[in-house]
Amino acid sequence: MKCKRIIFITLLVLIILPGFRTGFTLSAQAVPGKEENIPFLVTFGKDAETSWGDDDFRQVFFFTIPREYTGRFYIRVFDPDVGGEHDEIRGDFDTRTFFGVYGGKGVDPDKNQQSRGLSKGDNYREGTLLASRVFGSEARYDNKWFSFGPFNPTAGDFNEKWNSYIFKMVVEGLNGDDGNLYRFFMSREAESNLPVEGGNAFTYKYTFRMWNDFKSVAHIYPYVDSGVVWIKQRNFDWDNDGHILVVSRYKQGISLSVSNENEWKEDRIPIEAPEIGSSLDFQFHKAQGELVKNNNVVVTLESQRGDALPFFSSPIGGVPVYNPKITVRKAVKPK
């Protein structure tokens, strides 16, 4: 009996630990991630109208490098210029966008909440600037990759909980009113996308472009840590373009309030015990009928304590699958 109990506990540990560590053991450094099915991140120039889908004209992403990794790495940006094939033009392309990579003390958002980029002011640039560049309308970078680096992992801000070094990418529209659409990849090489084993990326405020079709469903995956009782979701400038569902191990699909143009909408979502220590799946379904093109959306989440929840490019614990509780009832014999 004792032997069976030891075997059971061992199997339980083997089942639970990979689930907890999935976000940091999978090679998943594409931002947006494959599971998210999001075409582009988007940042407008600061002279743009917020009704075009960007409330603060900046985006802040964090990249994690496991302590065990000792090689160099790069943070690559796809289509960093503002002009050409993918970007959203307003009149003429006259926008300049800042991209900056930060490391060192002050970057870790667990130790320094200002680093998350949710508050007003310049505190989102906390840390040491390791590399930066400002891109305008430059054809040589259109539809191509640009690499920042190489970086030494120990130049990041070490997080003991995740046993990882953290780096931060800040993107900011400096001037103009065009939309810069781009993607990231954290790579071992400068000229190709070779993932760093065990790396991941996350943000606390997601500003992204929806697909220009009816069938594609976008996903974002916030992680629910211990102590969370309920969360408040806020979405901005959804343009009433369809519906947003939340799916988890416990929830089959809860519909959320959706915003109209240039407004915020929010909901309070209760968190159940089976959802702690796992990811939620926020699904963005476009409305059928007349296609709303070039829809840009902003999403944030916070717990009942007011703490922001991170969205991981590779969901921790994997993509959540609804697992209904099945009850067995004793059959009643007919009389």
Protein backbone atom coordinates (compact mmCIF):
# COMPACT_ATOMS: atom_id res chain seq x y z
CA MET A 1 0.00 0.00 0.00
CA LYS A 2 2.85 2.36 0.86
CA CYS A 3 4.50 1.60 -2.48
CA LYS A 4 1.30 2.42 -4.39
CA ARG A 5 1.01 5.73 -2.52
CA ILE A 6 4.58 6.70 -3.45
CA ILE A 7 3.93 5.85 -7.10
CA PHE A 8 0.70 7.90 -7.08
CA ILE A 9 2.42 10.96 -5.57
CA THR A 10 5.28 10.69 -8.07
CA LEU A 11 2.85 10.57 -10.98
CA LEU A 12 0.93 13.54 -9.56
CA VAL A 13 4.12 15.61 -9.37
CA LEU A 14 5.04 14.65 -12.93
CA ILE A 15 1.59 15.75 -14.10
CA ILE A 16 1.45 19.05 -12.19
CA LEU A 17 4.98 20.40 -12.61
CA PRO A 18 5.11 20.39 -16.40
CA GLY A 19 1.75 22.15 -16.44
CA PHE A 20 3.05 24.91 -14.17
CA ARG A 21 6.28 25.31 -16.08
CA THR A 22 4.98 25.01 -19.63
CA GLY A 23 5.29 28.73 -20.25
CA PHE A 24 9.01 28.55 -19.47
CA THR A 25 9.98 25.20 -20.99
CA LEU A 26 8.41 25.46 -24.43
CA SER A 27 10.32 27.12 -27.22
CA ALA A 28 7.81 29.92 -27.70
CA GLN A 29 9.31 33.32 -28.35
CA ALA A 30 7.09 34.49 -31.20
CA VAL A 31 5.05 37.53 -30.18
CA PRO A 32 2.17 37.19 -30.81
CA GLY A 33 2.44 33.46 -30.18
CA LYS A 34 1.17 30.72 -32.48
CA GLU A 35 -1.70 29.83 -30.16
CA GLU A 36 -2.84 33.45 -29.98
CA ASN A 37 -3.61 33.68 -33.71
CA ILE A 38 -3.10 37.45 -33.73
CA PRO A 39 -1.64 38.94 -36.93
CA PHE A 40 0.12 42.00 -35.48
CA LEU A 41 0.78 44.21 -32.50
CA VAL A 42 -0.01 47.85 -33.23
CA THR A 43 1.25 51.22 -31.97
CA PHE A 44 0.10 54.55 -33.38
CA GLY A 45 1.97 57.84 -33.47
CA LYS A 46 1.08 60.14 -30.58
CA ASP A 47 -0.78 62.54 -32.89
CA ALA A 48 -3.35 59.86 -33.77
CA GLU A 49 -6.95 59.71 -32.60
CA THR A 50 -7.51 57.19 -29.80
CA SER A 51 -10.64 56.10 -31.69
CA TRP A 52 -8.32 54.30 -34.11
CA GLY A 53 -7.64 51.69 -31.42
CA ASP A 54 -4.64 52.76 -29.34
CA ASP A 55 -5.36 54.52 -26.04
CA ASP A 56 -1.80 55.55 -25.07
CA PHE A 57 0.42 55.09 -28.19
CA ARG A 58 2.85 52.68 -26.58
CA GLN A 59 3.34 48.97 -25.92
CA VAL A 60 5.50 47.25 -23.29
CA PHE A 61 6.51 43.57 -23.57
CA PHE A 62 8.71 41.48 -21.29
CA PHE A 63 10.95 38.58 -22.35
CA THR A 64 12.14 35.87 -19.95
CA ILE A 65 15.44 33.99 -20.30
CA PRO A 66 15.88 30.91 -18.04
CA ARG A 67 18.87 31.01 -15.72
CA GLU A 68 20.24 27.82 -17.29
CA TYR A 69 20.64 29.48 -20.68
CA THR A 70 24.13 30.97 -21.03
CA GLY A 71 24.31 31.86 -24.72
CA ARG A 72 23.68 35.19 -26.37
CA PHE A 73 20.28 36.12 -27.80
CA TYR A 74 18.53 38.73 -29.93
CA ILE A 75 15.13 40.40 -29.89
CA ARG A 76 13.98 40.64 -33.50
CA VAL A 77 11.26 42.95 -34.82
CA PHE A 78 9.32 42.18 -37.99
CA ASP A 79 8.37 45.22 -40.11
CA PRO A 80 9.53 47.92 -37.65
CA ASP A 81 9.17 50.79 -40.13
CA VAL A 82 5.97 52.84 -40.59
CA GLY A 83 5.01 52.49 -44.23
CA GLY A 84 4.53 49.94 -46.97
CA GLU A 85 2.71 46.65 -46.94
CA HIS A 86 1.27 46.15 -43.43
CA ASP A 87 1.04 49.50 -41.64
CA GLU A 88 -2.08 51.66 -41.32
CA ILE A 89 -1.76 54.92 -43.20
CA ARG A 90 -3.50 58.20 -42.26
CA GLY A 91 -2.91 60.68 -45.06
CA ASP A 92 0.83 60.29 -45.69
CA PHE A 93 3.24 58.06 -43.78
CA ASP A 94 4.84 60.57 -41.42
CA THR A 95 5.17 58.60 -38.18
CA ARG A 96 8.31 57.72 -36.23
CA THR A 97 8.35 54.83 -33.73
CA PHE A 98 10.82 54.23 -30.88
CA PHE A 99 11.89 50.66 -30.07
CA GLY A 100 14.03 50.21 -26.94
CA VAL A 101 15.37 47.11 -25.12
CA TYR A 102 15.89 47.49 -21.36
CA GLY A 103 17.66 45.30 -18.81
CA GLY A 104 19.11 45.62 -15.32
CA LYS A 105 17.46 46.64 -12.07
CA GLY A 106 14.02 48.16 -12.34
CA VAL A 107 12.80 46.01 -15.25
CA ASP A 108 11.25 43.15 -13.23
CA PRO A 109 7.51 43.99 -13.05
CA ASP A 110 7.10 41.92 -9.86
CA LYS A 111 9.55 44.19 -8.03
CA ASN A 112 8.62 47.42 -9.82
CA GLN A 113 5.00 47.80 -10.89
CA GLN A 114 5.80 51.07 -12.68
CA SER A 115 7.77 49.01 -15.19
CA ARG A 116 4.53 47.41 -16.43
CA GLY A 117 3.60 50.48 -18.44
CA LEU A 118 0.07 50.85 -17.09
CA SER A 119 0.39 54.24 -15.40
CA LYS A 120 0.89 57.70 -16.86
CA GLY A 121 4.32 59.31 -17.01
CA ASP A 122 7.69 57.94 -18.10
CA ASN A 123 8.14 55.26 -15.43
CA TYR A 124 7.53 52.47 -17.95
CA ARG A 125 11.10 53.08 -19.15
CA GLU A 126 12.54 51.86 -15.84
CA GLY A 127 15.77 49.88 -16.23
CA THR A 128 18.97 50.30 -18.24
CA LEU A 129 18.58 51.04 -21.95
CA LEU A 130 20.65 48.40 -23.75
CA ALA A 131 19.73 49.14 -27.37
CA SER A 132 17.30 51.37 -29.22
CA ARG A 133 16.34 52.68 -32.64
CA VAL A 134 13.76 55.05 -34.10
CA PHE A 135 12.08 53.91 -37.33
CA GLY A 136 10.23 56.08 -39.82
CA SER A 137 9.08 55.33 -43.36
CA GLU A 138 12.11 53.29 -44.46
CA ALA A 139 11.53 50.84 -47.31
CA ARG A 140 14.59 48.72 -46.44
CA TYR A 141 12.85 47.58 -43.23
CA ASP A 142 9.40 47.06 -44.73
CA ASN A 143 8.17 43.46 -44.41
CA LYS A 144 11.63 42.47 -43.08
CA TRP A 145 13.26 41.62 -39.73
CA PHE A 146 15.51 43.90 -37.69
CA SER A 147 17.56 42.41 -34.82
CA PHE A 148 18.47 44.08 -31.54
CA GLY A 149 21.46 42.49 -29.79
CA PRO A 150 23.33 40.37 -29.08
CA PHE A 151 22.47 40.44 -25.38
CA ASN A 152 23.97 38.56 -22.46
CA PRO A 153 21.21 36.95 -20.33
CA THR A 154 22.76 38.25 -17.10
CA ALA A 155 22.18 41.83 -18.34
CA GLY A 156 18.51 41.29 -17.47
CA ASP A 157 16.75 41.70 -14.12
CA PHE A 158 16.73 38.34 -12.30
CA ASN A 159 13.38 37.02 -11.01
CA GLU A 160 13.77 34.29 -8.37
CA LYS A 161 10.18 33.03 -8.65
CA TRP A 162 10.60 32.21 -12.34
CA ASN A 163 14.35 31.52 -12.09
CA SER A 164 14.73 33.72 -15.16
CA TYR A 165 16.29 36.97 -16.32
CA ILE A 166 13.79 39.55 -17.57
CA PHE A 167 14.24 42.03 -20.41
CA LYS A 168 11.77 44.64 -21.60
CA MET A 169 10.89 46.02 -25.02
CA VAL A 170 9.23 49.46 -25.06
CA VAL A 171 7.55 50.64 -28.26
CA GLU A 172 6.31 54.23 -28.48
CA GLY A 173 4.83 56.34 -31.26
CA LEU A 174 6.86 59.57 -31.14
CA ASN A 175 5.01 61.64 -33.69
CA GLY A 176 2.62 61.31 -36.61
CA ASP A 177 -0.75 59.56 -36.73
CA ASP A 178 -0.11 56.31 -38.62
CA GLY A 179 -0.35 52.83 -37.15
CA ASN A 180 2.82 50.73 -36.92
CA LEU A 181 2.03 47.00 -37.19
CA TYR A 182 4.84 44.66 -36.14
CA ARG A 183 5.78 41.39 -34.42
CA PHE A 184 8.64 40.17 -32.17
CA PHE A 185 10.76 37.05 -31.94
CA MET A 186 13.38 36.26 -29.30
CA SER A 187 16.08 34.27 -31.07
CA ARG A 188 19.49 32.69 -30.60
CA GLU A 189 20.56 34.06 -33.99
CA ALA A 190 20.54 37.50 -35.59
CA GLU A 191 19.46 36.44 -39.06
CA SER A 192 16.91 33.72 -38.32
CA ASN A 193 14.26 32.82 -35.75
CA LEU A 194 15.79 30.14 -33.52
CA PRO A 195 13.98 30.07 -30.16
CA VAL A 196 15.69 30.14 -26.78
CA GLU A 197 14.69 26.95 -25.00
CA GLY A 198 12.64 27.83 -21.93
CA GLY A 199 11.94 31.45 -22.89
CA ASN A 200 8.61 33.23 -22.97
CA ALA A 201 7.12 36.70 -23.37
CA PHE A 202 4.28 38.55 -21.67
CA THR A 203 2.57 41.90 -21.35
CA TYR A 204 0.06 43.54 -19.03
CA LYS A 205 -1.68 45.62 -21.67
CA TYR A 206 -2.29 44.11 -25.06
CA THR A 207 -2.83 46.37 -28.09
CA PHE A 208 -3.31 44.28 -31.22
CA ARG A 209 -4.90 44.04 -34.67
CA MET A 210 -7.77 41.69 -35.42
CA TRP A 211 -7.84 39.67 -38.65
CA ASN A 212 -9.68 41.13 -41.63
CA ASP A 213 -11.94 38.10 -42.09
CA PHE A 214 -14.90 36.40 -40.42
CA LYS A 215 -13.43 32.99 -39.59
CA SER A 216 -10.23 33.78 -37.66
CA VAL A 217 -10.52 33.81 -33.85
CA ALA A 218 -7.86 35.67 -31.85
CA HIS A 219 -6.86 34.46 -28.36
CA ILE A 220 -4.98 35.93 -25.41
CA TYR A 221 -3.99 33.91 -22.34
CA PRO A 222 -3.78 35.59 -18.92
CA TYR A 223 -2.28 33.54 -16.09
CA VAL A 224 -4.25 33.25 -12.83
CA ASP A 225 -1.96 33.03 -9.80
CA SER A 226 -2.87 31.97 -6.25
CA GLY A 227 -4.99 34.35 -4.19
CA VAL A 228 -7.07 35.64 -7.10
CA VAL A 229 -10.80 35.68 -6.26
CA TRP A 230 -12.11 37.68 -9.20
CA ILE A 231 -10.66 39.63 -12.09
CA LYS A 232 -11.78 42.78 -13.86
CA GLN A 233 -11.41 42.78 -17.62
CA ARG A 234 -11.36 46.03 -19.60
CA ASN A 235 -11.45 46.29 -23.38
CA PHE A 236 -11.10 49.46 -25.44
CA ASP A 237 -12.37 50.39 -28.90
CA TRP A 238 -13.72 46.95 -29.84
CA ASP A 239 -16.08 48.75 -32.26
CA ASN A 240 -18.83 46.35 -31.19
CA ASP A 241 -17.23 43.91 -33.64
CA GLY A 242 -18.65 40.56 -32.52
CA HIS A 243 -18.23 39.02 -29.08
CA ILE A 244 -15.58 38.08 -26.51
CA LEU A 245 -15.75 34.72 -24.72
CA VAL A 246 -13.78 33.43 -21.72
CA VAL A 247 -13.00 29.70 -21.66
CA SER A 248 -11.12 27.81 -18.95
CA ARG A 249 -10.94 24.39 -17.35
CA TYR A 250 -14.06 25.40 -15.44
CA LYS A 251 -15.84 27.83 -17.78
CA GLN A 252 -17.33 26.58 -21.03
CA GLY A 253 -17.71 30.09 -22.40
CA ILE A 254 -18.72 33.32 -20.68
CA SER A 255 -19.66 36.32 -22.83
CA LEU A 256 -18.16 39.68 -21.85
CA SER A 257 -19.25 43.26 -22.42
CA VAL A 258 -17.72 44.70 -25.58
CA SER A 259 -16.78 48.32 -26.18
CA ASN A 260 -17.90 50.60 -28.97
CA GLU A 261 -15.62 53.06 -30.72
CA ASN A 262 -13.27 55.02 -28.44
CA GLU A 263 -14.74 53.71 -25.19
CA TRP A 264 -13.86 51.26 -22.42
CA LYS A 265 -16.09 48.43 -21.21
CA GLU A 266 -15.45 46.24 -18.19
CA ASP A 267 -16.72 43.13 -16.40
CA ARG A 268 -16.00 41.36 -13.15
CA ILE A 269 -15.27 37.66 -13.65
CA PRO A 270 -15.31 35.26 -10.66
CA ILE A 271 -12.37 32.85 -10.42
CA GLU A 272 -13.02 29.29 -9.27
CA ALA A 273 -10.57 26.98 -7.50
CA PRO A 274 -9.88 24.78 -10.60
CA GLU A 275 -8.73 27.88 -12.49
CA ILE A 276 -5.97 28.87 -10.04
CA GLY A 277 -2.49 28.16 -11.34
CA SER A 278 -3.61 27.99 -14.97
CA SER A 279 -4.39 30.22 -17.93
CA LEU A 280 -7.69 31.59 -19.15
CA ASP A 281 -8.55 31.74 -22.85
CA PHE A 282 -10.01 35.07 -23.99
CA GLN A 283 -11.47 34.49 -27.46
CA PHE A 284 -12.24 37.35 -29.86
CA HIS A 285 -14.90 36.41 -32.41
CA LYS A 286 -15.65 38.91 -35.17
CA ALA A 287 -19.21 39.84 -36.06
CA GLN A 288 -20.70 38.22 -39.15
CA GLY A 289 -22.27 40.34 -41.86
CA GLU A 290 -20.49 43.54 -42.86
CA LEU A 291 -16.77 43.11 -42.26
CA VAL A 292 -15.16 45.60 -39.85
CA LYS A 293 -11.66 46.07 -41.27
CA ASN A 294 -8.45 47.07 -39.48
CA ASN A 295 -9.97 46.73 -36.02
CA ASN A 296 -7.40 47.48 -33.29
CA VAL A 297 -8.20 46.49 -29.69
CA VAL A 298 -6.74 47.14 -26.21
CA VAL A 299 -7.25 44.67 -23.33
CA THR A 300 -6.19 44.74 -19.65
CA LEU A 301 -6.96 42.58 -16.60
CA GLU A 302 -6.56 43.11 -12.87
CA SER A 303 -7.35 41.07 -9.77
CA GLN A 304 -9.52 42.07 -6.81
CA ARG A 305 -6.30 43.43 -5.23
CA GLY A 306 -5.79 45.81 -8.14
CA ASP A 307 -2.80 43.84 -9.46
CA ALA A 308 -2.47 43.55 -13.24
CA LEU A 309 -2.51 40.04 -14.70
CA PRO A 310 0.08 39.14 -17.35
CA PHE A 311 -0.82 37.77 -20.78
CA PHE A 312 1.71 35.12 -21.88
CA SER A 313 2.50 34.51 -25.54
CA SER A 314 2.72 30.81 -24.74
CA PRO A 315 -0.03 30.00 -22.20
CA ILE A 316 1.29 28.59 -18.93
CA GLY A 317 -0.13 25.11 -18.50
CA GLY A 318 -1.08 25.02 -22.16
CA VAL A 319 -4.27 26.15 -23.85
CA PRO A 320 -7.06 25.59 -21.28
CA VAL A 321 -9.67 23.01 -22.22
CA TYR A 322 -13.11 23.01 -20.62
CA ASN A 323 -13.42 19.94 -18.41
CA PRO A 324 -17.03 19.54 -17.23
CA LYS A 325 -17.60 17.78 -13.93
CA ILE A 326 -19.44 14.55 -14.57
CA THR A 327 -21.68 13.27 -11.80
CA VAL A 328 -22.76 9.63 -11.65
CA ARG A 329 -26.26 8.95 -10.47
CA LYS A 330 -27.66 5.64 -9.39
CA ALA A 331 -30.16 4.32 -11.89
CA VAL A 332 -33.75 4.05 -10.67
CA LYS A 333 -35.52 0.86 -11.64
CA PRO A 334 -38.91 1.40 -13.28
CA LYS A 335 -41.84 0.30 -11.20
